[in-house]
Amino acid sequence: MEPITTAVEVGMNPEIVKMIMTGAVMGMGTLVPAFAIAWIGSTALKAIGRNPEAASKVQTPMILAIAFAEAIAVYALVVALIIKFV
């Protein structure tokens, strides 16, 4: 059985870990809200397609939900910047 090696022995210094974590946070922080916005938009368009008279009632909550999903991406940006510079 081989001995357990630590991240320091392999050569993972804190700067490399910070860069990897920054990339991971930004990757997930942009992909997940993008999929959420696409899902919200497609669902709202399907609802409007089924009932065009309800377009005004569907559009306002759709825009509000998209804004909340976009806020998650901004939060991810802030967290990534904190990881990178702190």
C-alpha atoms as a PDB file:
ATOM      1  CA  MET A   1       0.000   0.000   0.000  1.00  0.00           C
ATOM      2  CA  GLU A   2       1.349   3.423  -0.981  1.00  0.00           C
ATOM      3  CA  PRO A   3       1.700   6.180   1.582  1.00  0.00           C
ATOM      4  CA  ILE A   4      -0.866   8.966   1.501  1.00  0.00           C
ATOM      5  CA  THR A   5       0.493  12.132  -0.076  1.00  0.00           C
ATOM      6  CA  THR A   6      -0.750  15.568   0.840  1.00  0.00           C
ATOM      7  CA  ALA A   7      -1.474  18.431  -1.502  1.00  0.00           C
ATOM      8  CA  VAL A   8       1.713  20.177  -0.378  1.00  0.00           C
ATOM      9  CA  GLU A   9       3.843  17.169  -1.314  1.00  0.00           C
ATOM     10  CA  VAL A  10       2.273  17.002  -4.755  1.00  0.00           C
ATOM     11  CA  GLY A  11       2.962  20.685  -5.355  1.00  0.00           C
ATOM     12  CA  MET A  12      -0.448  22.277  -4.804  1.00  0.00           C
ATOM     13  CA  ASN A  13       0.338  25.579  -3.230  1.00  0.00           C
ATOM     14  CA  PRO A  14      -2.473  27.871  -1.999  1.00  0.00           C
ATOM     15  CA  GLU A  15      -2.317  30.076  -5.096  1.00  0.00           C
ATOM     16  CA  ILE A  16      -3.066  27.133  -7.368  1.00  0.00           C
ATOM     17  CA  VAL A  17      -5.952  26.062  -5.157  1.00  0.00           C
ATOM     18  CA  LYS A  18      -7.323  29.619  -5.180  1.00  0.00           C
ATOM     19  CA  MET A  19      -7.182  29.730  -8.978  1.00  0.00           C
ATOM     20  CA  ILE A  20      -8.927  26.370  -9.299  1.00  0.00           C
ATOM     21  CA  MET A  21     -11.637  27.391  -6.838  1.00  0.00           C
ATOM     22  CA  THR A  22     -12.124  30.745  -8.568  1.00  0.00           C
ATOM     23  CA  GLY A  23     -12.619  28.969 -11.882  1.00  0.00           C
ATOM     24  CA  ALA A  24     -15.001  26.442 -10.343  1.00  0.00           C
ATOM     25  CA  VAL A  25     -17.116  29.126  -8.687  1.00  0.00           C
ATOM     26  CA  MET A  26     -17.301  31.188 -11.866  1.00  0.00           C
ATOM     27  CA  GLY A  27     -18.059  28.124 -13.977  1.00  0.00           C
ATOM     28  CA  MET A  28     -20.926  26.950 -11.807  1.00  0.00           C
ATOM     29  CA  GLY A  29     -21.994  30.517 -11.074  1.00  0.00           C
ATOM     30  CA  THR A  30     -22.549  31.212 -14.755  1.00  0.00           C
ATOM     31  CA  LEU A  31     -23.813  27.859 -15.999  1.00  0.00           C
ATOM     32  CA  VAL A  32     -26.528  27.257 -13.403  1.00  0.00           C
ATOM     33  CA  PRO A  33     -28.184  30.712 -13.703  1.00  0.00           C
ATOM     34  CA  ALA A  34     -27.937  30.490 -17.512  1.00  0.00           C
ATOM     35  CA  PHE A  35     -29.831  27.196 -17.505  1.00  0.00           C
ATOM     36  CA  ALA A  36     -32.332  28.607 -15.006  1.00  0.00           C
ATOM     37  CA  ILE A  37     -32.977  31.670 -17.171  1.00  0.00           C
ATOM     38  CA  ALA A  38     -33.417  29.485 -20.259  1.00  0.00           C
ATOM     39  CA  TRP A  39     -35.845  27.213 -18.401  1.00  0.00           C
ATOM     40  CA  ILE A  40     -37.843  30.174 -17.050  1.00  0.00           C
ATOM     41  CA  GLY A  41     -38.046  31.756 -20.490  1.00  0.00           C
ATOM     42  CA  SER A  42     -39.069  28.577 -22.285  1.00  0.00           C
ATOM     43  CA  THR A  43     -41.702  27.755 -19.678  1.00  0.00           C
ATOM     44  CA  ALA A  44     -43.157  31.258 -19.878  1.00  0.00           C
ATOM     45  CA  LEU A  45     -43.243  31.127 -23.678  1.00  0.00           C
ATOM     46  CA  LYS A  46     -45.013  27.753 -23.549  1.00  0.00           C
ATOM     47  CA  ALA A  47     -47.578  29.226 -21.156  1.00  0.00           C
ATOM     48  CA  ILE A  48     -48.118  32.235 -23.409  1.00  0.00           C
ATOM     49  CA  GLY A  49     -48.395  29.926 -26.416  1.00  0.00           C
ATOM     50  CA  ARG A  50     -51.151  27.937 -24.698  1.00  0.00           C
ATOM     51  CA  ASN A  51     -53.015  31.050 -23.540  1.00  0.00           C
ATOM     52  CA  PRO A  52     -52.046  34.246 -25.400  1.00  0.00           C
ATOM     53  CA  GLU A  53     -54.513  36.367 -23.417  1.00  0.00           C
ATOM     54  CA  ALA A  54     -52.507  35.687 -20.242  1.00  0.00           C
ATOM     55  CA  ALA A  55     -49.289  37.140 -21.676  1.00  0.00           C
ATOM     56  CA  SER A  56     -49.399  40.244 -19.485  1.00  0.00           C
ATOM     57  CA  LYS A  57     -49.958  38.120 -16.364  1.00  0.00           C
ATOM     58  CA  VAL A  58     -47.082  35.759 -17.232  1.00  0.00           C
ATOM     59  CA  GLN A  59     -44.572  38.342 -18.412  1.00  0.00           C
ATOM     60  CA  THR A  60     -44.104  40.245 -15.143  1.00  0.00           C
ATOM     61  CA  PRO A  61     -43.367  37.202 -12.942  1.00  0.00           C
ATOM     62  CA  MET A  62     -41.108  35.832 -15.704  1.00  0.00           C
ATOM     63  CA  ILE A  63     -38.987  38.982 -15.775  1.00  0.00           C
ATOM     64  CA  LEU A  64     -38.840  39.032 -11.980  1.00  0.00           C
ATOM     65  CA  ALA A  65     -37.724  35.380 -11.856  1.00  0.00           C
ATOM     66  CA  ILE A  66     -35.070  36.025 -14.507  1.00  0.00           C
ATOM     67  CA  ALA A  67     -33.762  38.960 -12.470  1.00  0.00           C
ATOM     68  CA  PHE A  68     -33.490  36.763  -9.367  1.00  0.00           C
ATOM     69  CA  ALA A  69     -31.659  34.075 -11.351  1.00  0.00           C
ATOM     70  CA  GLU A  70     -29.285  36.701 -12.734  1.00  0.00           C
ATOM     71  CA  ALA A  71     -28.617  37.928  -9.188  1.00  0.00           C
ATOM     72  CA  ILE A  72     -27.233  34.475  -8.371  1.00  0.00           C
ATOM     73  CA  ALA A  73     -24.628  34.949 -11.105  1.00  0.00           C
ATOM     74  CA  VAL A  74     -23.649  38.301  -9.592  1.00  0.00           C
ATOM     75  CA  TYR A  75     -23.313  36.667  -6.166  1.00  0.00           C
ATOM     76  CA  ALA A  76     -21.058  34.009  -7.710  1.00  0.00           C
ATOM     77  CA  LEU A  77     -18.906  36.753  -9.214  1.00  0.00           C
ATOM     78  CA  VAL A  78     -18.554  38.390  -5.803  1.00  0.00           C
ATOM     79  CA  VAL A  79     -17.620  35.081  -4.164  1.00  0.00           C
ATOM     80  CA  ALA A  80     -15.073  34.356  -6.920  1.00  0.00           C
ATOM     81  CA  LEU A  81     -13.487  37.775  -6.437  1.00  0.00           C
ATOM     82  CA  ILE A  82     -13.314  37.226  -2.671  1.00  0.00           C
ATOM     83  CA  ILE A  83     -11.637  33.851  -3.195  1.00  0.00           C
ATOM     84  CA  LYS A  84      -9.184  35.313  -5.686  1.00  0.00           C
ATOM     85  CA  PHE A  85      -8.119  38.408  -3.761  1.00  0.00           C
ATOM     86  CA  VAL A  86      -8.396  37.346  -0.111  1.00  0.00           C
END
